[in-house]
Amino acid sequence: MQTLNIEFIDVTEDSLTAKMPVNSSVHQPYGLLHGGATAALAETVGSCASAFFVDSETKMIKGIELSINHIKSVKEGVVYGVAKQIHKGKTIHLWEVKIFDDEQHLISICKLTNIVLDKK
């Protein structure tokens, strides 16, 4: 999170929002936001959202599937990842993570599945 400068900015009962600056440190060769950086933001927001809903003393969260559709490109500014809960079971959490730019344009839409495991 520190490497990508991801910062959490809002949490509700069923969502978590974080922001990430778009600059040369997250660009691909054409000067656009790298899909891998977008994936890192999505997985960070969705996994941390799951962590808010479990007892961290006895449980841990691991991402088991992430799919992303990139809709629009971004060269600079800030992107926001908003994770909204689709399903919260005892062992599986499913999140929709939307990535928006400063002007609320949809950049990417993601689906993240997390598994809730017992700590050993």
PDB file of N, CA and C in Angstrom:
ATOM      1  N   MET A   1       0.823  -1.188   0.000  1.00  0.00           N
ATOM      2  CA  MET A   1       0.000   0.000   0.000  1.00  0.00           C
ATOM      3  C   MET A   1       0.870   1.255   0.000  1.00  0.00           C
ATOM      4  N   GLN A   2       1.965   1.227   0.724  1.00  0.00           N
ATOM      5  CA  GLN A   2       2.838   2.396   0.759  1.00  0.00           C
ATOM      6  C   GLN A   2       3.490   2.627  -0.593  1.00  0.00           C
ATOM      7  N   THR A   3       3.865   1.549  -1.271  1.00  0.00           N
ATOM      8  CA  THR A   3       4.512   1.681  -2.569  1.00  0.00           C
ATOM      9  C   THR A   3       3.617   2.399  -3.570  1.00  0.00           C
ATOM     10  N   LEU A   4       2.313   2.104  -3.531  1.00  0.00           N
ATOM     11  CA  LEU A   4       1.356   2.711  -4.464  1.00  0.00           C
ATOM     12  C   LEU A   4       0.658   3.926  -3.875  1.00  0.00           C
ATOM     13  N   ASN A   5       1.003   4.292  -2.655  1.00  0.00           N
ATOM     14  CA  ASN A   5       0.394   5.446  -1.968  1.00  0.00           C
ATOM     15  C   ASN A   5      -1.119   5.323  -1.850  1.00  0.00           C
ATOM     16  N   ILE A   6      -1.603   4.110  -1.562  1.00  0.00           N
ATOM     17  CA  ILE A   6      -3.037   3.881  -1.379  1.00  0.00           C
ATOM     18  C   ILE A   6      -3.432   4.383   0.004  1.00  0.00           C
ATOM     19  N   GLU A   7      -4.504   5.167   0.046  1.00  0.00           N
ATOM     20  CA  GLU A   7      -4.978   5.756   1.298  1.00  0.00           C
ATOM     21  C   GLU A   7      -6.474   5.497   1.442  1.00  0.00           C
ATOM     22  N   PHE A   8      -6.879   4.935   2.574  1.00  0.00           N
ATOM     23  CA  PHE A   8      -8.304   4.708   2.836  1.00  0.00           C
ATOM     24  C   PHE A   8      -8.961   6.027   3.213  1.00  0.00           C
ATOM     25  N   ILE A   9     -10.161   6.264   2.633  1.00  0.00           N
ATOM     26  CA  ILE A   9     -10.813   7.549   2.902  1.00  0.00           C
ATOM     27  C   ILE A   9     -12.234   7.419   3.426  1.00  0.00           C
ATOM     28  N   ASP A  10     -12.868   6.246   3.329  1.00  0.00           N
ATOM     29  CA  ASP A  10     -14.233   6.109   3.827  1.00  0.00           C
ATOM     30  C   ASP A  10     -14.557   4.637   4.072  1.00  0.00           C
ATOM     31  N   VAL A  11     -15.327   4.390   5.116  1.00  0.00           N
ATOM     32  CA  VAL A  11     -15.802   3.043   5.401  1.00  0.00           C
ATOM     33  C   VAL A  11     -17.244   3.153   5.888  1.00  0.00           C
ATOM     34  N   THR A  12     -18.104   2.226   5.399  1.00  0.00           N
ATOM     35  CA  THR A  12     -19.486   2.140   5.850  1.00  0.00           C
ATOM     36  C   THR A  12     -19.749   0.695   6.238  1.00  0.00           C
ATOM     37  N   GLU A  13     -21.004   0.375   6.548  1.00  0.00           N
ATOM     38  CA  GLU A  13     -21.359  -0.999   6.926  1.00  0.00           C
ATOM     39  C   GLU A  13     -21.093  -2.008   5.817  1.00  0.00           C
ATOM     40  N   ASP A  14     -21.179  -1.576   4.553  1.00  0.00           N
ATOM     41  CA  ASP A  14     -21.017  -2.527   3.445  1.00  0.00           C
ATOM     42  C   ASP A  14     -20.108  -2.026   2.332  1.00  0.00           C
ATOM     43  N   SER A  15     -19.256  -1.034   2.629  1.00  0.00           N
ATOM     44  CA  SER A  15     -18.350  -0.550   1.588  1.00  0.00           C
ATOM     45  C   SER A  15     -17.082   0.039   2.199  1.00  0.00           C
ATOM     46  N   LEU A  16     -16.062   0.128   1.356  1.00  0.00           N
ATOM     47  CA  LEU A  16     -14.790   0.741   1.739  1.00  0.00           C
ATOM     48  C   LEU A  16     -14.266   1.477   0.514  1.00  0.00           C
ATOM     49  N   THR A  17     -13.736   2.676   0.724  1.00  0.00           N
ATOM     50  CA  THR A  17     -13.209   3.487  -0.363  1.00  0.00           C
ATOM     51  C   THR A  17     -11.766   3.875  -0.061  1.00  0.00           C
ATOM     52  N   ALA A  18     -10.932   3.798  -1.092  1.00  0.00           N
ATOM     53  CA  ALA A  18      -9.542   4.229  -0.987  1.00  0.00           C
ATOM     54  C   ALA A  18      -9.183   5.015  -2.234  1.00  0.00           C
ATOM     55  N   LYS A  19      -8.121   5.798  -2.135  1.00  0.00           N
ATOM     56  CA  LYS A  19      -7.656   6.546  -3.304  1.00  0.00           C
ATOM     57  C   LYS A  19      -6.190   6.237  -3.564  1.00  0.00           C
ATOM     58  N   MET A  20      -5.799   6.429  -4.827  1.00  0.00           N
ATOM     59  CA  MET A  20      -4.424   6.179  -5.245  1.00  0.00           C
ATOM     60  C   MET A  20      -4.040   7.216  -6.291  1.00  0.00           C
ATOM     61  N   PRO A  21      -2.895   7.885  -6.123  1.00  0.00           N
ATOM     62  CA  PRO A  21      -2.467   8.852  -7.135  1.00  0.00           C
ATOM     63  C   PRO A  21      -2.019   8.150  -8.420  1.00  0.00           C
ATOM     64  N   VAL A  22      -2.298   8.795  -9.535  1.00  0.00           N
ATOM     65  CA  VAL A  22      -1.854   8.294 -10.845  1.00  0.00           C
ATOM     66  C   VAL A  22      -0.724   9.201 -11.309  1.00  0.00           C
ATOM     67  N   ASN A  23       0.477   8.626 -11.386  1.00  0.00           N
ATOM     68  CA  ASN A  23       1.658   9.356 -11.822  1.00  0.00           C
ATOM     69  C   ASN A  23       2.621   8.346 -12.459  1.00  0.00           C
ATOM     70  N   SER A  24       3.824   8.768 -12.747  1.00  0.00           N
ATOM     71  CA  SER A  24       4.768   7.899 -13.464  1.00  0.00           C
ATOM     72  C   SER A  24       5.084   6.605 -12.718  1.00  0.00           C
ATOM     73  N   SER A  25       4.882   6.574 -11.402  1.00  0.00           N
ATOM     74  CA  SER A  25       5.193   5.354 -10.654  1.00  0.00           C
ATOM     75  C   SER A  25       4.188   4.235 -10.911  1.00  0.00           C
ATOM     76  N   VAL A  26       3.010   4.553 -11.455  1.00  0.00           N
ATOM     77  CA  VAL A  26       1.992   3.533 -11.753  1.00  0.00           C
ATOM     78  C   VAL A  26       1.611   3.523 -13.239  1.00  0.00           C
ATOM     79  N   HIS A  27       2.441   4.138 -14.077  1.00  0.00           N
ATOM     80  CA  HIS A  27       2.185   4.168 -15.523  1.00  0.00           C
ATOM     81  C   HIS A  27       2.729   2.916 -16.196  1.00  0.00           C
ATOM     82  N   GLN A  28       2.063   2.510 -17.273  1.00  0.00           N
ATOM     83  CA  GLN A  28       2.631   1.530 -18.186  1.00  0.00           C
ATOM     84  C   GLN A  28       3.419   2.307 -19.246  1.00  0.00           C
ATOM     85  N   PRO A  29       4.083   1.640 -20.203  1.00  0.00           N
ATOM     86  CA  PRO A  29       4.965   2.339 -21.142  1.00  0.00           C
ATOM     87  C   PRO A  29       4.325   3.476 -21.950  1.00  0.00           C
ATOM     88  N   TYR A  30       3.005   3.469 -22.128  1.00  0.00           N
ATOM     89  CA  TYR A  30       2.349   4.531 -22.899  1.00  0.00           C
ATOM     90  C   TYR A  30       1.910   5.707 -22.030  1.00  0.00           C
ATOM     91  N   GLY A  31       2.306   5.705 -20.760  1.00  0.00           N
ATOM     92  CA  GLY A  31       1.986   6.819 -19.885  1.00  0.00           C
ATOM     93  C   GLY A  31       0.581   6.768 -19.299  1.00  0.00           C
ATOM     94  N   LEU A  32      -0.020   5.587 -19.301  1.00  0.00           N
ATOM     95  CA  LEU A  32      -1.365   5.400 -18.759  1.00  0.00           C
ATOM     96  C   LEU A  32      -1.293   4.574 -17.478  1.00  0.00           C
ATOM     97  N   LEU A  33      -2.349   4.665 -16.655  1.00  0.00           N
ATOM     98  CA  LEU A  33      -2.433   3.858 -15.446  1.00  0.00           C
ATOM     99  C   LEU A  33      -2.303   2.384 -15.813  1.00  0.00           C
ATOM    100  N   HIS A  34      -1.377   1.700 -15.186  1.00  0.00           N
ATOM    101  CA  HIS A  34      -1.119   0.288 -15.439  1.00  0.00           C
ATOM    102  C   HIS A  34      -2.251  -0.563 -14.876  1.00  0.00           C
ATOM    103  N   GLY A  35      -2.696  -1.554 -15.635  1.00  0.00           N
ATOM    104  CA  GLY A  35      -3.748  -2.456 -15.178  1.00  0.00           C
ATOM    105  C   GLY A  35      -3.366  -3.200 -13.911  1.00  0.00           C
ATOM    106  N   GLY A  36      -2.091  -3.491 -13.739  1.00  0.00           N
ATOM    107  CA  GLY A  36      -1.634  -4.164 -12.522  1.00  0.00           C
ATOM    108  C   GLY A  36      -1.775  -3.280 -11.294  1.00  0.00           C
ATOM    109  N   ALA A  37      -1.538  -1.987 -11.451  1.00  0.00           N
ATOM    110  CA  ALA A  37      -1.734  -1.051 -10.335  1.00  0.00           C
ATOM    111  C   ALA A  37      -3.214  -0.947 -10.002  1.00  0.00           C
ATOM    112  N   THR A  38      -4.050  -0.957 -11.036  1.00  0.00           N
ATOM    113  CA  THR A  38      -5.498  -0.945 -10.825  1.00  0.00           C
ATOM    114  C   THR A  38      -5.923  -2.206 -10.071  1.00  0.00           C
ATOM    115  N   ALA A  39      -5.375  -3.339 -10.465  1.00  0.00           N
ATOM    116  CA  ALA A  39      -5.683  -4.607  -9.792  1.00  0.00           C
ATOM    117  C   ALA A  39      -5.229  -4.566  -8.329  1.00  0.00           C
ATOM    118  N   ALA A  40      -4.063  -3.991  -8.088  1.00  0.00           N
ATOM    119  CA  ALA A  40      -3.571  -3.891  -6.709  1.00  0.00           C
ATOM    120  C   ALA A  40      -4.495  -3.023  -5.861  1.00  0.00           C
ATOM    121  N   LEU A  41      -4.981  -1.919  -6.418  1.00  0.00           N
ATOM    122  CA  LEU A  41      -5.932  -1.073  -5.698  1.00  0.00           C
ATOM    123  C   LEU A  41      -7.216  -1.843  -5.409  1.00  0.00           C
ATOM    124  N   ALA A  42      -7.749  -2.527  -6.420  1.00  0.00           N
ATOM    125  CA  ALA A  42      -9.000  -3.275  -6.253  1.00  0.00           C
ATOM    126  C   ALA A  42      -8.860  -4.367  -5.205  1.00  0.00           C
ATOM    127  N   GLU A  43      -7.780  -5.134  -5.273  1.00  0.00           N
ATOM    128  CA  GLU A  43      -7.613  -6.221  -4.308  1.00  0.00           C
ATOM    129  C   GLU A  43      -7.362  -5.686  -2.905  1.00  0.00           C
ATOM    130  N   THR A  44      -6.636  -4.605  -2.792  1.00  0.00           N
ATOM    131  CA  THR A  44      -6.390  -3.990  -1.487  1.00  0.00           C
ATOM    132  C   THR A  44      -7.693  -3.539  -0.844  1.00  0.00           C
ATOM    133  N   VAL A  45      -8.512  -2.827  -1.612  1.00  0.00           N
ATOM    134  CA  VAL A  45      -9.763  -2.299  -1.068  1.00  0.00           C
ATOM    135  C   VAL A  45     -10.718  -3.443  -0.705  1.00  0.00           C
ATOM    136  N   GLY A  46     -10.870  -4.410  -1.602  1.00  0.00           N
ATOM    137  CA  GLY A  46     -11.787  -5.520  -1.344  1.00  0.00           C
ATOM    138  C   GLY A  46     -11.331  -6.434  -0.218  1.00  0.00           C
ATOM    139  N   SER A  47     -10.043  -6.706  -0.147  1.00  0.00           N
ATOM    140  CA  SER A  47      -9.530  -7.570   0.917  1.00  0.00           C
ATOM    141  C   SER A  47      -9.608  -6.879   2.276  1.00  0.00           C
ATOM    142  N   CYS A  48      -9.271  -5.614   2.309  1.00  0.00           N
ATOM    143  CA  CYS A  48      -9.367  -4.883   3.579  1.00  0.00           C
ATOM    144  C   CYS A  48     -10.820  -4.727   4.013  1.00  0.00           C
ATOM    145  N   ALA A  49     -11.729  -4.579   3.056  1.00  0.00           N
ATOM    146  CA  ALA A  49     -13.153  -4.516   3.402  1.00  0.00           C
ATOM    147  C   ALA A  49     -13.587  -5.809   4.080  1.00  0.00           C
ATOM    148  N   SER A  50     -13.162  -6.954   3.540  1.00  0.00           N
ATOM    149  CA  SER A  50     -13.482  -8.234   4.186  1.00  0.00           C
ATOM    150  C   SER A  50     -12.905  -8.289   5.591  1.00  0.00           C
ATOM    151  N   ALA A  51     -11.689  -7.781   5.753  1.00  0.00           N
ATOM    152  CA  ALA A  51     -11.028  -7.838   7.060  1.00  0.00           C
ATOM    153  C   ALA A  51     -11.809  -7.067   8.125  1.00  0.00           C
ATOM    154  N   PHE A  52     -12.533  -6.033   7.721  1.00  0.00           N
ATOM    155  CA  PHE A  52     -13.331  -5.272   8.683  1.00  0.00           C
ATOM    156  C   PHE A  52     -14.479  -6.101   9.260  1.00  0.00           C
ATOM    157  N   PHE A  53     -14.908  -7.138   8.533  1.00  0.00           N
ATOM    158  CA  PHE A  53     -16.085  -7.906   8.918  1.00  0.00           C
ATOM    159  C   PHE A  53     -15.778  -9.211   9.643  1.00  0.00           C
ATOM    160  N   VAL A  54     -14.510  -9.453   9.964  1.00  0.00           N
ATOM    161  CA  VAL A  54     -14.156 -10.691  10.657  1.00  0.00           C
ATOM    162  C   VAL A  54     -13.368 -10.362  11.924  1.00  0.00           C
ATOM    163  N   ASP A  55     -13.279 -11.319  12.801  1.00  0.00           N
ATOM    164  CA  ASP A  55     -12.468 -11.192  14.006  1.00  0.00           C
ATOM    165  C   ASP A  55     -11.013 -11.439  13.614  1.00  0.00           C
ATOM    166  N   SER A  56     -10.226 -10.390  13.564  1.00  0.00           N
ATOM    167  CA  SER A  56      -8.844 -10.511  13.093  1.00  0.00           C
ATOM    168  C   SER A  56      -7.950 -11.297  14.054  1.00  0.00           C
ATOM    169  N   GLU A  57      -8.423 -11.551  15.256  1.00  0.00           N
ATOM    170  CA  GLU A  57      -7.652 -12.367  16.197  1.00  0.00           C
ATOM    171  C   GLU A  57      -7.684 -13.845  15.797  1.00  0.00           C
ATOM    172  N   THR A  58      -8.794 -14.284  15.191  1.00  0.00           N
ATOM    173  CA  THR A  58      -8.964 -15.703  14.871  1.00  0.00           C
ATOM    174  C   THR A  58      -9.081 -15.992  13.376  1.00  0.00           C
ATOM    175  N   LYS A  59      -9.323 -14.976  12.560  1.00  0.00           N
ATOM    176  CA  LYS A  59      -9.551 -15.178  11.123  1.00  0.00           C
ATOM    177  C   LYS A  59      -8.585 -14.351  10.296  1.00  0.00           C
ATOM    178  N   MET A  60      -8.333 -14.821   9.072  1.00  0.00           N
ATOM    179  CA  MET A  60      -7.549 -14.051   8.098  1.00  0.00           C
ATOM    180  C   MET A  60      -8.234 -14.138   6.741  1.00  0.00           C
ATOM    181  N   ILE A  61      -7.947 -13.162   5.910  1.00  0.00           N
ATOM    182  CA  ILE A  61      -8.565 -13.041   4.587  1.00  0.00           C
ATOM    183  C   ILE A  61      -7.517 -13.298   3.520  1.00  0.00           C
ATOM    184  N   LYS A  62      -7.911 -14.062   2.505  1.00  0.00           N
ATOM    185  CA  LYS A  62      -7.057 -14.250   1.328  1.00  0.00           C
ATOM    186  C   LYS A  62      -7.919 -14.104   0.087  1.00  0.00           C
ATOM    187  N   GLY A  63      -7.403 -13.355  -0.880  1.00  0.00           N
ATOM    188  CA  GLY A  63      -8.084 -13.242  -2.158  1.00  0.00           C
ATOM    189  C   GLY A  63      -7.910 -14.523  -2.946  1.00  0.00           C
ATOM    190  N   ILE A  64      -9.006 -15.030  -3.536  1.00  0.00           N
ATOM    191  CA  ILE A  64      -8.883 -16.263  -4.323  1.00  0.00           C
ATOM    192  C   ILE A  64      -9.240 -16.059  -5.789  1.00  0.00           C
ATOM    193  N   GLU A  65      -9.915 -14.958  -6.116  1.00  0.00           N
ATOM    194  CA  GLU A  65     -10.184 -14.672  -7.527  1.00  0.00           C
ATOM    195  C   GLU A  65     -10.403 -13.181  -7.711  1.00  0.00           C
ATOM    196  N   LEU A  66      -9.802 -12.637  -8.755  1.00  0.00           N
ATOM    197  CA  LEU A  66      -9.970 -11.234  -9.114  1.00  0.00           C
ATOM    198  C   LEU A  66     -10.150 -11.151 -10.617  1.00  0.00           C
ATOM    199  N   SER A  67     -11.225 -10.517 -11.051  1.00  0.00           N
ATOM    200  CA  SER A  67     -11.408 -10.263 -12.486  1.00  0.00           C
ATOM    201  C   SER A  67     -11.677  -8.778 -12.667  1.00  0.00           C
ATOM    202  N   ILE A  68     -11.116  -8.235 -13.740  1.00  0.00           N
ATOM    203  CA  ILE A  68     -11.220  -6.789 -13.979  1.00  0.00           C
ATOM    204  C   ILE A  68     -11.518  -6.535 -15.448  1.00  0.00           C
ATOM    205  N   ASN A  69     -12.432  -5.605 -15.670  1.00  0.00           N
ATOM    206  CA  ASN A  69     -12.648  -5.059 -17.003  1.00  0.00           C
ATOM    207  C   ASN A  69     -12.239  -3.593 -16.965  1.00  0.00           C
ATOM    208  N   HIS A  70     -11.312  -3.229 -17.843  1.00  0.00           N
ATOM    209  CA  HIS A  70     -10.856  -1.839 -17.932  1.00  0.00           C
ATOM    210  C   HIS A  70     -11.726  -1.124 -18.966  1.00  0.00           C
ATOM    211  N   ILE A  71     -12.310  -0.018 -18.564  1.00  0.00           N
ATOM    212  CA  ILE A  71     -13.275   0.710 -19.384  1.00  0.00           C
ATOM    213  C   ILE A  71     -12.642   1.946 -20.023  1.00  0.00           C
ATOM    214  N   LYS A  72     -11.857   2.658 -19.243  1.00  0.00           N
ATOM    215  CA  LYS A  72     -11.311   3.948 -19.672  1.00  0.00           C
ATOM    216  C   LYS A  72      -9.897   4.079 -19.132  1.00  0.00           C
ATOM    217  N   SER A  73      -9.055   4.839 -19.804  1.00  0.00           N
ATOM    218  CA  SER A  73      -7.680   5.021 -19.330  1.00  0.00           C
ATOM    219  C   SER A  73      -7.547   6.344 -18.579  1.00  0.00           C
ATOM    220  N   VAL A  74      -6.488   6.403 -17.773  1.00  0.00           N
ATOM    221  CA  VAL A  74      -6.180   7.590 -16.971  1.00  0.00           C
ATOM    222  C   VAL A  74      -4.689   7.862 -17.085  1.00  0.00           C
ATOM    223  N   LYS A  75      -4.326   9.140 -17.252  1.00  0.00           N
ATOM    224  CA  LYS A  75      -2.917   9.515 -17.339  1.00  0.00           C
ATOM    225  C   LYS A  75      -2.403  10.146 -16.052  1.00  0.00           C
ATOM    226  N   GLU A  76      -3.257  10.881 -15.363  1.00  0.00           N
ATOM    227  CA  GLU A  76      -2.816  11.591 -14.160  1.00  0.00           C
ATOM    228  C   GLU A  76      -4.006  11.867 -13.259  1.00  0.00           C
ATOM    229  N   GLY A  77      -3.708  12.338 -12.070  1.00  0.00           N
ATOM    230  CA  GLY A  77      -4.767  12.652 -11.113  1.00  0.00           C
ATOM    231  C   GLY A  77      -4.826  11.614 -10.009  1.00  0.00           C
ATOM    232  N   VAL A  78      -6.041  11.284  -9.620  1.00  0.00           N
ATOM    233  CA  VAL A  78      -6.278  10.329  -8.546  1.00  0.00           C
ATOM    234  C   VAL A  78      -7.377   9.381  -9.001  1.00  0.00           C
ATOM    235  N   VAL A  79      -7.245   8.102  -8.645  1.00  0.00           N
ATOM    236  CA  VAL A  79      -8.335   7.151  -8.850  1.00  0.00           C
ATOM    237  C   VAL A  79      -8.824   6.685  -7.485  1.00  0.00           C
ATOM    238  N   TYR A  80     -10.097   6.326  -7.451  1.00  0.00           N
ATOM    239  CA  TYR A  80     -10.758   5.908  -6.226  1.00  0.00           C
ATOM    240  C   TYR A  80     -11.287   4.494  -6.416  1.00  0.00           C
ATOM    241  N   GLY A  81     -11.004   3.619  -5.475  1.00  0.00           N
ATOM    242  CA  GLY A  81     -11.529   2.269  -5.482  1.00  0.00           C
ATOM    243  C   GLY A  81     -12.628   2.166  -4.446  1.00  0.00           C
ATOM    244  N   VAL A  82     -13.821   1.759  -4.895  1.00  0.00           N
ATOM    245  CA  VAL A  82     -14.964   1.633  -3.997  1.00  0.00           C
ATOM    246  C   VAL A  82     -15.416   0.175  -4.009  1.00  0.00           C
ATOM    247  N   ALA A  83     -15.235  -0.507  -2.881  1.00  0.00           N
ATOM    248  CA  ALA A  83     -15.645  -1.902  -2.741  1.00  0.00           C
ATOM    249  C   ALA A  83     -17.024  -1.937  -2.104  1.00  0.00           C
ATOM    250  N   LYS A  84     -17.963  -2.616  -2.771  1.00  0.00           N
ATOM    251  CA  LYS A  84     -19.310  -2.799  -2.230  1.00  0.00           C
ATOM    252  C   LYS A  84     -19.577  -4.288  -2.097  1.00  0.00           C
ATOM    253  N   GLN A  85     -20.121  -4.640  -0.980  1.00  0.00           N
ATOM    254  CA  GLN A  85     -20.381  -6.046  -0.664  1.00  0.00           C
ATOM    255  C   GLN A  85     -21.504  -6.602  -1.524  1.00  0.00           C
ATOM    256  N   ILE A  86     -21.236  -7.763  -2.132  1.00  0.00           N
ATOM    257  CA  ILE A  86     -22.257  -8.508  -2.867  1.00  0.00           C
ATOM    258  C   ILE A  86     -22.752  -9.665  -2.009  1.00  0.00           C
ATOM    259  N   HIS A  87     -21.792 -10.357  -1.362  1.00  0.00           N
ATOM    260  CA  HIS A  87     -22.143 -11.507  -0.514  1.00  0.00           C
ATOM    261  C   HIS A  87     -21.155 -11.594   0.638  1.00  0.00           C
ATOM    262  N   LYS A  88     -21.681 -11.785   1.845  1.00  0.00           N
ATOM    263  CA  LYS A  88     -20.832 -11.981   3.012  1.00  0.00           C
ATOM    264  C   LYS A  88     -21.255 -13.264   3.705  1.00  0.00           C
ATOM    265  N   GLY A  89     -20.588 -14.365   3.371  1.00  0.00           N
ATOM    266  CA  GLY A  89     -20.850 -15.640   4.028  1.00  0.00           C
ATOM    267  C   GLY A  89     -19.835 -15.886   5.125  1.00  0.00           C
ATOM    268  N   LYS A  90     -19.927 -17.051   5.740  1.00  0.00           N
ATOM    269  CA  LYS A  90     -18.982 -17.394   6.803  1.00  0.00           C
ATOM    270  C   LYS A  90     -17.581 -17.645   6.268  1.00  0.00           C
ATOM    271  N   THR A  91     -17.501 -18.189   5.037  1.00  0.00           N
ATOM    272  CA  THR A  91     -16.184 -18.518   4.489  1.00  0.00           C
ATOM    273  C   THR A  91     -15.861 -17.807   3.177  1.00  0.00           C
ATOM    274  N   ILE A  92     -16.858 -17.247   2.511  1.00  0.00           N
ATOM    275  CA  ILE A  92     -16.624 -16.561   1.238  1.00  0.00           C
ATOM    276  C   ILE A  92     -17.249 -15.161   1.280  1.00  0.00           C
ATOM    277  N   HIS A  93     -16.459 -14.182   0.856  1.00  0.00           N
ATOM    278  CA  HIS A  93     -16.947 -12.812   0.681  1.00  0.00           C
ATOM    279  C   HIS A  93     -16.779 -12.454  -0.794  1.00  0.00           C
ATOM    280  N   LEU A  94     -17.793 -11.838  -1.374  1.00  0.00           N
ATOM    281  CA  LEU A  94     -17.751 -11.404  -2.768  1.00  0.00           C
ATOM    282  C   LEU A  94     -17.953  -9.896  -2.806  1.00  0.00           C
ATOM    283  N   TRP A  95     -17.049  -9.204  -3.515  1.00  0.00           N
ATOM    284  CA  TRP A  95     -17.058  -7.749  -3.596  1.00  0.00           C
ATOM    285  C   TRP A  95     -17.074  -7.282  -5.043  1.00  0.00           C
ATOM    286  N   GLU A  96     -17.815  -6.220  -5.284  1.00  0.00           N
ATOM    287  CA  GLU A  96     -17.708  -5.479  -6.538  1.00  0.00           C
ATOM    288  C   GLU A  96     -16.869  -4.250  -6.220  1.00  0.00           C
ATOM    289  N   VAL A  97     -15.795  -4.065  -6.979  1.00  0.00           N
ATOM    290  CA  VAL A  97     -14.925  -2.913  -6.769  1.00  0.00           C
ATOM    291  C   VAL A  97     -14.943  -2.081  -8.043  1.00  0.00           C
ATOM    292  N   LYS A  98     -15.404  -0.844  -7.915  1.00  0.00           N
ATOM    293  CA  LYS A  98     -15.400   0.081  -9.046  1.00  0.00           C
ATOM    294  C   LYS A  98     -14.282   1.093  -8.846  1.00  0.00           C
ATOM    295  N   ILE A  99     -13.562   1.349  -9.929  1.00  0.00           N
ATOM    296  CA  ILE A  99     -12.482   2.325  -9.917  1.00  0.00           C
ATOM    297  C   ILE A  99     -12.966   3.549 -10.718  1.00  0.00           C
ATOM    298  N   PHE A 100     -12.918   4.714 -10.071  1.00  0.00           N
ATOM    299  CA  PHE A 100     -13.359   5.968 -10.679  1.00  0.00           C
ATOM    300  C   PHE A 100     -12.205   6.957 -10.727  1.00  0.00           C
ATOM    301  N   ASP A 101     -12.286   7.920 -11.663  1.00  0.00           N
ATOM    302  CA  ASP A 101     -11.298   8.998 -11.685  1.00  0.00           C
ATOM    303  C   ASP A 101     -11.840  10.203 -10.902  1.00  0.00           C
ATOM    304  N   ASP A 102     -11.100  11.305 -10.946  1.00  0.00           N
ATOM    305  CA  ASP A 102     -11.488  12.528 -10.225  1.00  0.00           C
ATOM    306  C   ASP A 102     -12.859  13.053 -10.631  1.00  0.00           C
ATOM    307  N   GLU A 103     -13.251  12.792 -11.866  1.00  0.00           N
ATOM    308  CA  GLU A 103     -14.525  13.311 -12.386  1.00  0.00           C
ATOM    309  C   GLU A 103     -15.642  12.281 -12.317  1.00  0.00           C
ATOM    310  N   GLN A 104     -15.430  11.219 -11.546  1.00  0.00           N
ATOM    311  CA  GLN A 104     -16.409  10.137 -11.347  1.00  0.00           C
ATOM    312  C   GLN A 104     -16.686   9.320 -12.607  1.00  0.00           C
ATOM    313  N   HIS A 105     -15.749   9.328 -13.572  1.00  0.00           N
ATOM    314  CA  HIS A 105     -15.857   8.445 -14.727  1.00  0.00           C
ATOM    315  C   HIS A 105     -15.437   7.043 -14.285  1.00  0.00           C
ATOM    316  N   LEU A 106     -16.181   6.036 -14.729  1.00  0.00           N
ATOM    317  CA  LEU A 106     -15.838   4.660 -14.414  1.00  0.00           C
ATOM    318  C   LEU A 106     -14.602   4.248 -15.212  1.00  0.00           C
ATOM    319  N   ILE A 107     -13.553   3.853 -14.512  1.00  0.00           N
ATOM    320  CA  ILE A 107     -12.291   3.457 -15.141  1.00  0.00           C
ATOM    321  C   ILE A 107     -12.236   1.941 -15.311  1.00  0.00           C
ATOM    322  N   SER A 108     -12.563   1.220 -14.242  1.00  0.00           N
ATOM    323  CA  SER A 108     -12.541  -0.242 -14.265  1.00  0.00           C
ATOM    324  C   SER A 108     -13.624  -0.770 -13.327  1.00  0.00           C
ATOM    325  N   ILE A 109     -14.077  -1.965 -13.635  1.00  0.00           N
ATOM    326  CA  ILE A 109     -15.008  -2.648 -12.737  1.00  0.00           C
ATOM    327  C   ILE A 109     -14.418  -4.017 -12.442  1.00  0.00           C
ATOM    328  N   CYS A 110     -14.438  -4.384 -11.171  1.00  0.00           N
ATOM    329  CA  CYS A 110     -13.747  -5.585 -10.718  1.00  0.00           C
ATOM    330  C   CYS A 110     -14.679  -6.431  -9.858  1.00  0.00           C
ATOM    331  N   LYS A 111     -14.406  -7.714  -9.844  1.00  0.00           N
ATOM    332  CA  LYS A 111     -15.079  -8.635  -8.937  1.00  0.00           C
ATOM    333  C   LYS A 111     -13.988  -9.371  -8.175  1.00  0.00           C
ATOM    334  N   LEU A 112     -14.089  -9.347  -6.842  1.00  0.00           N
ATOM    335  CA  LEU A 112     -13.095  -9.983  -5.984  1.00  0.00           C
ATOM    336  C   LEU A 112     -13.781 -10.983  -5.072  1.00  0.00           C
ATOM    337  N   THR A 113     -13.241 -12.205  -5.041  1.00  0.00           N
ATOM    338  CA  THR A 113     -13.717 -13.231  -4.123  1.00  0.00           C
ATOM    339  C   THR A 113     -12.627 -13.474  -3.087  1.00  0.00           C
ATOM    340  N   ASN A 114     -13.017 -13.387  -1.820  1.00  0.00           N
ATOM    341  CA  ASN A 114     -12.096 -13.640  -0.702  1.00  0.00           C
ATOM    342  C   ASN A 114     -12.556 -14.870   0.065  1.00  0.00           C
ATOM    343  N   ILE A 115     -11.588 -15.591   0.597  1.00  0.00           N
ATOM    344  CA  ILE A 115     -11.905 -16.704   1.489  1.00  0.00           C
ATOM    345  C   ILE A 115     -11.509 -16.291   2.911  1.00  0.00           C
ATOM    346  N   VAL A 116     -12.339 -16.684   3.865  1.00  0.00           N
ATOM    347  CA  VAL A 116     -12.088 -16.410   5.286  1.00  0.00           C
ATOM    348  C   VAL A 116     -11.557 -17.699   5.900  1.00  0.00           C
ATOM    349  N   LEU A 117     -10.333 -17.640   6.423  1.00  0.00           N
ATOM    350  CA  LEU A 117      -9.677 -18.827   6.977  1.00  0.00           C
ATOM    351  C   LEU A 117      -9.401 -18.637   8.465  1.00  0.00           C
ATOM    352  N   ASP A 118      -9.352 -19.740   9.183  1.00  0.00           N
ATOM    353  CA  ASP A 118      -8.952 -19.712  10.584  1.00  0.00           C
ATOM    354  C   ASP A 118      -7.451 -19.501  10.652  1.00  0.00           C
ATOM    355  N   LYS A 119      -7.021 -18.649  11.583  1.00  0.00           N
ATOM    356  CA  LYS A 119      -5.583 -18.516  11.832  1.00  0.00           C
ATOM    357  C   LYS A 119      -5.139 -19.742  12.608  1.00  0.00           C
ATOM    358  N   LYS A 120      -3.950 -20.202  12.320  1.00  0.00           N
ATOM    359  CA  LYS A 120      -3.434 -21.397  12.997  1.00  0.00           C
ATOM    360  C   LYS A 120      -2.565 -21.022  14.153  1.00  0.00           C
TER     361      LYS A 120
END
